[in-house]
Protein backbone atom coordinates (compact mmCIF):
# COMPACT_ATOMS: atom_id res chain seq x y z
CA UNK A 1 -18.42 -95.69 -69.71
CA UNK A 2 -20.05 -96.12 -66.19
CA UNK A 3 -18.11 -94.56 -63.31
CA UNK A 4 -17.55 -98.02 -61.59
CA UNK A 5 -15.93 -98.98 -64.36
CA UNK A 6 -13.73 -95.89 -64.35
CA UNK A 7 -12.51 -96.18 -61.19
CA UNK A 8 -12.05 -99.99 -61.58
CA UNK A 9 -9.44 -98.77 -64.22
CA UNK A 10 -7.77 -96.27 -61.87
CA UNK A 11 -7.21 -98.89 -59.19
CA UNK A 12 -5.61 -101.18 -61.68
CA UNK A 13 -3.65 -98.42 -63.45
CA UNK A 14 -2.47 -97.27 -59.56
CA UNK A 15 -1.64 -100.55 -58.75
CA UNK A 16 0.36 -101.22 -61.66
CA UNK A 17 2.46 -97.91 -61.20
CA UNK A 18 3.09 -98.93 -57.39
CA UNK A 19 4.09 -102.63 -58.39
CA UNK A 20 7.12 -100.67 -60.13
CA UNK A 21 9.43 -100.13 -57.39
CA UNK A 22 11.97 -98.60 -59.30
CA UNK A 23 10.19 -95.47 -59.96
CA UNK A 24 9.01 -92.62 -57.49
CA UNK A 25 5.39 -91.98 -57.84
CA UNK A 26 3.98 -88.39 -57.56
CA UNK A 27 0.40 -87.94 -56.68
CA UNK A 28 0.88 -86.34 -60.28
CA UNK A 29 2.41 -89.44 -61.82
CA UNK A 30 -0.74 -91.31 -60.88
CA UNK A 31 -3.06 -88.75 -62.09
CA UNK A 32 -1.33 -88.69 -65.39
CA UNK A 33 -1.17 -92.79 -65.65
CA UNK A 34 -4.69 -92.90 -64.63
CA UNK A 35 -5.70 -90.41 -67.37
CA UNK A 36 -3.86 -92.38 -70.07
CA UNK A 37 -5.31 -95.36 -69.26
CA UNK A 38 -8.96 -93.90 -69.59
CA UNK A 39 -7.72 -92.15 -72.85
CA UNK A 40 -6.86 -95.50 -73.98
CA UNK A 41 -10.02 -97.25 -72.93
CA UNK A 42 -12.37 -94.35 -73.99
CA UNK A 43 -10.65 -93.00 -76.95
CA UNK A 44 -11.33 -89.45 -75.42
CA UNK A 45 -9.72 -87.31 -72.36
CA UNK A 46 -10.86 -88.02 -69.31
CA UNK A 47 -9.88 -84.90 -66.70
CA UNK A 48 -8.98 -86.50 -63.30
CA UNK A 49 -8.91 -84.58 -60.21
CA UNK A 50 -6.28 -84.46 -57.45
CA UNK A 51 -9.22 -85.59 -54.89
CA UNK A 52 -10.29 -88.57 -56.77
CA UNK A 53 -6.88 -90.26 -56.91
CA UNK A 54 -6.79 -88.94 -53.56
CA UNK A 55 -9.90 -90.90 -52.88
CA UNK A 56 -9.30 -93.84 -54.70
CA UNK A 57 -5.74 -94.39 -52.82
CA UNK A 58 -8.01 -94.05 -49.60
CA UNK A 59 -10.70 -96.74 -50.80
CA UNK A 60 -7.60 -98.96 -51.61
CA UNK A 61 -6.06 -98.94 -48.44
CA UNK A 62 -9.47 -99.61 -46.47
CA UNK A 63 -11.20 -102.83 -46.00
CA UNK A 64 -14.38 -101.70 -48.26
CA UNK A 65 -12.84 -102.99 -51.79
CA UNK A 66 -11.12 -105.71 -49.55
CA UNK A 67 -7.65 -104.82 -51.01
CA UNK A 68 -6.20 -103.61 -47.83
CA UNK A 69 -3.55 -102.09 -49.95
CA UNK A 70 -0.65 -101.32 -47.61
CA UNK A 71 0.26 -97.44 -49.43
CA UNK A 72 2.31 -95.46 -47.77
CA UNK A 73 3.78 -91.75 -48.39
CA UNK A 74 7.39 -91.32 -47.99
CA UNK A 75 9.48 -87.83 -48.08
CA UNK A 76 5.69 -86.43 -47.61
CA UNK A 77 5.47 -86.97 -51.15
CA UNK A 78 6.30 -90.11 -52.81
CA UNK A 79 3.76 -93.41 -52.88
CA UNK A 80 4.56 -97.03 -52.67
CA UNK A 81 3.58 -100.32 -51.60
CA UNK A 82 5.14 -100.97 -48.26
CA UNK A 83 5.17 -104.62 -49.16
CA UNK A 84 7.04 -104.72 -52.43
CA UNK A 85 5.09 -107.92 -53.85
CA UNK A 86 1.43 -106.73 -52.79
CA UNK A 87 -0.90 -106.19 -55.64
CA UNK A 88 -4.54 -105.76 -55.83
CA UNK A 89 -4.81 -108.82 -58.22
CA UNK A 90 -3.18 -111.75 -56.05
CA UNK A 91 -5.33 -111.20 -52.80
CA UNK A 92 -7.47 -113.90 -50.96
CA UNK A 93 -10.73 -114.44 -52.08
CA UNK A 94 -13.65 -113.35 -49.49
CA UNK A 95 -16.12 -115.71 -48.33
CA UNK A 96 -18.62 -113.90 -50.16
CA UNK A 97 -16.13 -114.43 -53.58
CA UNK A 98 -16.42 -117.94 -52.56
CA UNK A 99 -20.05 -118.41 -52.57
CA UNK A 100 -20.63 -116.50 -55.58
CA UNK A 101 -17.92 -118.82 -57.41
CA UNK A 102 -19.60 -121.97 -56.25
CA UNK A 103 -22.97 -120.84 -57.41
CA UNK A 104 -21.36 -119.66 -60.91
CA UNK A 105 -19.54 -123.00 -61.06
CA UNK A 106 -22.54 -125.12 -60.21
CA UNK A 107 -24.67 -123.10 -63.12
CA UNK A 108 -22.07 -123.50 -66.03
CA UNK A 109 -21.73 -127.12 -64.90
CA UNK A 110 -25.49 -127.61 -66.10
CA UNK A 111 -24.48 -127.12 -69.64
CA UNK A 112 -21.50 -129.02 -69.71
CA UNK A 113 -22.99 -131.24 -72.82
CA UNK A 114 -23.26 -128.18 -75.19
CA UNK A 115 -20.57 -128.66 -77.23
CA UNK A 116 -19.91 -124.56 -76.89
CA UNK A 117 -18.83 -125.16 -73.21
CA UNK A 118 -16.18 -127.88 -74.30
CA UNK A 119 -13.67 -125.53 -73.78
CA UNK A 120 -14.11 -124.25 -70.44
CA UNK A 121 -14.29 -127.87 -68.65
CA UNK A 122 -10.81 -127.23 -67.39
CA UNK A 123 -11.57 -123.53 -66.49
CA UNK A 124 -14.64 -125.40 -64.23
CA UNK A 125 -12.48 -127.80 -62.74
CA UNK A 126 -9.64 -125.26 -61.61
CA UNK A 127 -12.27 -122.57 -60.26
CA UNK A 128 -13.54 -125.82 -58.36
CA UNK A 129 -10.03 -126.65 -56.93
CA UNK A 130 -9.39 -122.89 -56.32
CA UNK A 131 -12.58 -122.52 -54.03
CA UNK A 132 -11.72 -125.91 -52.19
CA UNK A 133 -8.65 -125.05 -51.35
CA UNK A 134 -9.77 -121.55 -50.23
CA UNK A 135 -12.64 -123.13 -47.95
CA UNK A 136 -10.67 -125.76 -46.50
CA UNK A 137 -7.18 -123.80 -46.22
CA UNK A 138 -5.51 -126.48 -48.10
CA UNK A 139 -2.96 -126.59 -51.10
CA UNK A 140 -4.52 -126.84 -54.24
CA UNK A 141 -4.25 -129.94 -56.29
CA UNK A 142 -4.14 -128.80 -59.47
CA UNK A 143 -0.97 -127.13 -60.72
CA UNK A 144 -0.50 -125.44 -64.24
CA UNK A 145 2.93 -125.29 -65.71
CA UNK A 146 3.81 -121.98 -65.67
CA UNK A 147 7.22 -119.42 -65.39
CA UNK A 148 7.11 -116.87 -62.84
CA UNK A 149 9.87 -114.84 -63.99
CA UNK A 150 8.69 -114.72 -67.62
CA UNK A 151 9.02 -110.76 -68.83
CA UNK A 152 6.63 -109.18 -70.66
CA UNK A 153 3.35 -110.82 -69.24
CA UNK A 154 2.78 -107.47 -67.95
CA UNK A 155 1.77 -106.70 -71.98
CA UNK A 156 -0.94 -108.89 -71.80
CA UNK A 157 -3.43 -107.15 -71.30
CA UNK A 158 -3.08 -103.56 -73.30
CA UNK A 159 -1.90 -105.78 -76.40
CA UNK A 160 -5.22 -107.56 -75.97
CA UNK A 161 -7.39 -103.91 -75.56
CA UNK A 162 -5.40 -103.05 -78.96
CA UNK A 163 -6.41 -106.17 -80.97
CA UNK A 164 -10.09 -105.82 -79.93
CA UNK A 165 -10.07 -102.00 -80.54
CA UNK A 166 -7.80 -102.37 -83.58
CA UNK A 167 -5.26 -99.90 -82.29
CA UNK A 168 -1.64 -99.66 -83.93
CA UNK A 169 1.44 -100.13 -81.67
CA UNK A 170 4.44 -98.64 -81.62
CA UNK A 171 6.83 -101.14 -80.43
CA UNK A 172 10.72 -100.79 -79.01
CA UNK A 173 11.65 -104.54 -79.86
CA UNK A 174 15.28 -106.03 -78.96
CA UNK A 175 15.21 -109.33 -80.42
CA UNK A 176 18.27 -112.23 -79.17
CA UNK A 177 19.99 -111.59 -82.51
CA UNK A 178 20.08 -107.73 -82.44
CA UNK A 179 22.65 -105.66 -80.26
CA UNK A 180 20.37 -102.70 -80.59
CA UNK A 181 16.73 -101.88 -79.71
CA UNK A 182 14.14 -101.13 -82.92
CA UNK A 183 11.41 -99.15 -82.82
CA UNK A 184 8.46 -99.93 -85.44
CA UNK A 185 4.51 -100.08 -86.18
CA UNK A 186 3.01 -103.31 -85.47
CA UNK A 187 -0.46 -103.91 -86.39
CA UNK A 188 -1.58 -106.60 -84.05
CA UNK A 189 -3.66 -110.05 -85.06
CA UNK A 190 -3.65 -112.11 -82.27
CA UNK A 191 -1.65 -113.67 -79.31
CA UNK A 192 -0.60 -116.98 -79.27
CA UNK A 193 1.08 -118.69 -76.63
CA UNK A 194 3.64 -121.75 -77.18
CA UNK A 195 5.90 -123.38 -74.63
CA UNK A 196 5.22 -121.10 -71.83
CA UNK A 197 6.22 -118.20 -73.95
CA UNK A 198 3.81 -115.47 -75.32
CA UNK A 199 4.06 -114.58 -78.97
CA UNK A 200 2.11 -111.31 -80.47
CA UNK A 201 1.33 -112.02 -84.32
CA UNK A 202 0.79 -109.66 -86.92
CA UNK A 203 2.13 -107.38 -89.57
CA UNK A 204 4.73 -104.18 -89.62
CA UNK A 205 2.94 -102.78 -92.67
CA UNK A 206 0.68 -104.08 -95.34
CA UNK A 207 3.12 -105.30 -97.78
CA UNK A 208 4.99 -106.95 -95.07
CA UNK A 209 4.79 -110.76 -94.37
CA UNK A 210 2.95 -111.69 -90.92
CA UNK A 211 5.67 -112.00 -88.50
CA UNK A 212 5.56 -112.78 -84.43
CA UNK A 213 7.17 -110.86 -81.29
CA UNK A 214 7.77 -112.76 -78.46
CA UNK A 215 6.32 -110.61 -75.54
CA UNK A 216 9.92 -111.16 -73.68
CA UNK A 217 11.38 -109.14 -75.81
CA UNK A 218 9.77 -106.41 -75.87
CA UNK A 219 10.98 -103.39 -74.33
CA UNK A 220 7.87 -100.67 -74.62
CA UNK A 221 4.83 -100.15 -75.94
CA UNK A 222 2.98 -97.02 -77.34
CA UNK A 223 0.14 -96.29 -80.03
CA UNK A 224 -0.45 -94.55 -82.89
CA UNK A 225 -4.24 -93.26 -83.17
CA UNK A 226 -3.42 -91.74 -86.35
CA UNK A 227 -2.20 -94.51 -88.56
CA UNK A 228 -4.86 -96.64 -89.91
CA UNK A 229 -5.27 -100.20 -88.69
CA UNK A 230 -4.73 -102.85 -91.40
CA UNK A 231 -8.16 -104.77 -91.84
CA UNK A 232 -7.03 -108.26 -92.77
CA UNK A 233 -8.89 -111.51 -92.19
CA UNK A 234 -6.51 -113.33 -90.87
CA UNK A 235 -7.40 -117.18 -89.87
CA UNK A 236 -4.80 -118.44 -87.32
CA UNK A 237 -5.65 -121.95 -87.64
CA UNK A 238 -5.17 -121.73 -91.30
CA UNK A 239 -2.23 -119.68 -90.66
CA UNK A 240 -0.75 -122.36 -88.37
CA UNK A 241 -2.14 -125.31 -89.49
CA UNK A 242 1.18 -127.07 -91.18
CA UNK A 243 3.44 -126.02 -88.35
CA UNK A 244 4.44 -126.56 -84.78
CA UNK A 245 4.96 -123.57 -82.61
CA UNK A 246 4.80 -119.99 -84.09
CA UNK A 247 7.31 -119.68 -86.77
CA UNK A 248 5.87 -119.61 -90.28
CA UNK A 249 8.30 -119.63 -93.01
CA UNK A 250 6.37 -117.52 -95.45
CA UNK A 251 6.80 -119.54 -99.19
CA UNK A 252 8.38 -123.09 -97.76
CA UNK A 253 5.41 -125.46 -97.96
CA UNK A 254 4.54 -128.22 -95.96
CA UNK A 255 6.57 -131.99 -96.80
CA UNK A 256 6.34 -135.60 -95.31
CA UNK A 257 8.40 -136.03 -92.59
CA UNK A 258 8.87 -139.78 -91.64
CA UNK A 259 9.97 -140.75 -87.97
CA UNK A 260 10.88 -143.50 -86.09
CA UNK A 261 10.28 -143.73 -82.24
CA UNK A 262 11.79 -146.36 -79.95
CA UNK A 263 9.73 -148.72 -78.03
CA UNK A 264 10.11 -146.27 -74.77
CA UNK A 265 8.69 -143.08 -76.44
CA UNK A 266 6.06 -144.61 -78.45
CA UNK A 267 3.71 -144.53 -76.13
CA UNK A 268 4.19 -140.65 -75.45
CA UNK A 269 3.91 -140.08 -79.07
CA UNK A 270 1.06 -141.70 -79.71
CA UNK A 271 -0.86 -140.45 -76.60
CA UNK A 272 0.59 -136.82 -77.09
CA UNK A 273 0.85 -136.67 -81.29
CA UNK A 274 3.48 -134.12 -82.11
CA UNK A 275 1.29 -132.25 -84.73
CA UNK A 276 -2.36 -133.11 -85.67
CA UNK A 277 -1.13 -134.54 -89.07
CA UNK A 278 0.64 -137.56 -87.22
CA UNK A 279 -0.07 -140.94 -88.99
CA UNK A 280 1.09 -144.48 -87.53
CA UNK A 281 2.59 -146.33 -90.60
CA UNK A 282 3.87 -149.10 -89.04
CA UNK A 283 4.34 -150.31 -85.33
CA UNK A 284 7.36 -152.89 -85.16
CA UNK A 285 8.08 -155.87 -83.42
CA UNK A 286 10.19 -154.57 -80.53
CA UNK A 287 7.49 -152.02 -79.97
CA UNK A 288 8.85 -149.20 -81.53
CA UNK A 289 6.80 -147.43 -84.71
CA UNK A 290 7.25 -145.27 -87.60
CA UNK A 291 5.29 -142.32 -87.77
CA UNK A 292 4.99 -139.82 -90.52
CA UNK A 293 3.92 -135.68 -90.25
CA UNK A 294 3.00 -133.25 -92.78
CA UNK A 295 4.23 -130.32 -91.71
CA UNK A 296 6.83 -127.31 -92.38
CA UNK A 297 10.04 -127.76 -90.82
CA UNK A 298 10.96 -124.91 -88.62
CA UNK A 299 13.04 -124.02 -85.28
CA UNK A 300 10.30 -125.16 -82.88
CA UNK A 301 9.58 -128.72 -84.51
CA UNK A 302 13.52 -129.25 -84.59
CA UNK A 303 14.09 -128.27 -80.63
CA UNK A 304 11.37 -130.92 -80.11
CA UNK A 305 12.68 -133.67 -82.25
CA UNK A 306 16.04 -133.03 -80.75
CA UNK A 307 14.90 -133.41 -77.37
CA UNK A 308 13.96 -137.19 -78.08
CA UNK A 309 17.96 -137.97 -77.93
CA UNK A 310 18.68 -141.26 -79.49
CA UNK A 311 14.74 -142.23 -78.95
CA UNK A 312 13.91 -140.89 -82.49
CA UNK A 313 15.46 -141.04 -86.16
CA UNK A 314 14.71 -138.84 -88.73
CA UNK A 315 14.00 -141.49 -91.69
CA UNK A 316 13.09 -138.55 -94.67
CA UNK A 317 13.34 -136.40 -95.97
CA UNK A 318 17.15 -136.28 -96.66
CA UNK A 319 18.00 -132.41 -96.33
CA UNK A 320 16.09 -132.68 -92.44
CA UNK A 321 17.92 -136.01 -91.59
CA UNK A 322 21.59 -134.55 -92.65
CA UNK A 323 20.74 -131.27 -91.18
CA UNK A 324 20.10 -133.16 -87.71
CA UNK A 325 22.99 -135.50 -88.01
CA UNK A 326 25.23 -132.65 -88.19
CA UNK A 327 23.66 -131.21 -85.06
CA UNK A 328 24.56 -134.08 -83.18
CA UNK A 329 27.54 -134.57 -84.27
CA UNK A 330 28.44 -131.11 -83.56
CA UNK A 331 26.68 -131.67 -79.93
CA UNK A 332 28.32 -134.95 -79.21
CA UNK A 333 31.87 -133.37 -80.17
CA UNK A 334 31.45 -130.57 -76.80
CA UNK A 335 31.48 -134.22 -75.13
CA UNK A 336 34.70 -135.68 -76.10
CA UNK A 337 37.14 -136.27 -73.73
CA UNK A 338 39.99 -133.23 -74.73
CA UNK A 339 36.71 -130.98 -74.35
CA UNK A 340 36.13 -132.17 -70.77
CA UNK A 341 39.63 -132.24 -69.47
CA UNK A 342 40.00 -128.56 -70.44
CA UNK A 343 37.12 -127.61 -68.69
CA UNK A 344 38.32 -129.66 -65.22
CA UNK A 345 40.08 -127.65 -62.44
């Protein structure tokens, strides 16, 4: 690994440490964390001197790298960011950065007609918006839906690296249903995003079914370099072909689900299908429609269908219709007068 790459890993590691304001960071702590980070990327011990980390901190403080990091020492021992919200990953673009980005976007746009670049067209649009807003000092005009307070996002990079390098993870996890934390080995296959949440998909062991873990429920991540990684030809497109979301009920087969959609919601469902299997069966005189899906029922599907309220009706299968009916009756009971009156002061 080049020295420049080593340095970038150290800067990023120091930044990640100092963002954790709930811990006191000594120089020895920073050396240890940087050593662990380099070992993770290189797979071998890479001794770091005290002088190296001191120089890294000086460079991060300076204008040379463009960071101007407000790193201060307190109690003559501990390091922290004077501005608790600071991070080197959120510094403004320099004029040089913007010129490089402008040239890069222009170059990539030349390939827009190649199918290989179809998936990056929206990325180019966002880059152009970012460059324009920086140059003109105006607010961006493209906003993506995101949840800044979502937990677990800081695990994305290290999980990504573990997947690429086929490293077995040791995960401490606490599900919504569990009272206690659980610690187990996990063989990571892919990262999947759904409804603004990230999930890690893989296996606990070779004989276990494929499962997913919500990143916001992960407590800690470690590595087991001695346990062989499960080599499995996992096809995410095939695995998730017949479901909405991330929950795949092993053993369940997809069924035909027929839905009536009222006139208000029909245009939305037609322009943004609930699933790729969606087919229009009938368009009624009152502009309502009947569609069918060929999918396996799961938690995410039920949440989406319930979100339509009275704008949707499950026509078949009967078991799903009855299940949704019970849920709606129970929900309606919470709005009855006797319950409302009890809650009033």
